[in-house]
Protein backbone atom coordinates (compact mmCIF):
# COMPACT_ATOMS: atom_id res chain seq x y z
CA GLU A 1 45.06 -3.37 -5.47
CA TYR A 2 41.44 -2.59 -5.86
CA ASP A 3 40.42 -2.38 -9.57
CA LEU A 4 37.71 0.47 -9.74
CA MET A 5 37.23 -0.02 -13.46
CA ALA A 6 36.57 -3.74 -12.94
CA ALA A 7 34.11 -3.03 -9.98
CA ALA A 8 32.35 -0.50 -12.04
CA ALA A 9 31.93 -3.02 -14.93
CA ASP A 10 30.69 -5.69 -12.61
CA LEU A 11 28.08 -3.16 -11.18
CA ASP A 12 26.89 -2.29 -14.64
CA GLU A 13 26.41 -6.05 -15.42
CA ILE A 14 24.59 -6.61 -12.14
CA GLU A 15 22.41 -3.60 -12.89
CA GLU A 16 21.66 -4.99 -16.34
CA VAL A 17 20.72 -8.42 -14.96
CA ASN A 18 18.35 -6.74 -12.34
CA ALA A 19 16.73 -4.70 -15.01
CA ASN A 20 16.26 -7.88 -17.13
CA CYS A 21 14.77 -9.64 -14.07
CA ILE A 22 12.29 -6.81 -13.29
CA LEU A 23 11.38 -6.62 -16.98
CA MET A 24 10.68 -10.34 -17.27
CA ALA A 25 8.64 -10.14 -13.90
CA ASN A 26 6.61 -7.33 -15.32
CA LEU A 27 5.93 -9.27 -18.53
CA GLN A 28 4.98 -12.32 -16.72
CA GLN A 29 2.60 -10.49 -14.35
CA ALA A 30 1.06 -8.55 -17.37
CA SER A 31 0.53 -11.88 -19.28
CA SER A 32 -0.77 -13.79 -16.37
CA SER A 33 -3.30 -10.98 -15.43
CA GLY A 34 -4.57 -11.11 -19.15
CA TYR A 35 -3.25 -7.74 -20.02
CA SER A 36 -2.77 -7.34 -23.87
CA ASP A 37 -1.49 -4.35 -25.68
């Protein structure tokens, strides 16, 4: 049986990881280009 709640939890986890990867990439790009806030 397909567990919809488990699938939704997995999706949330994946989206969170993706958001973290994007955030880290943006921070790396900002620091490597000499941008300072």
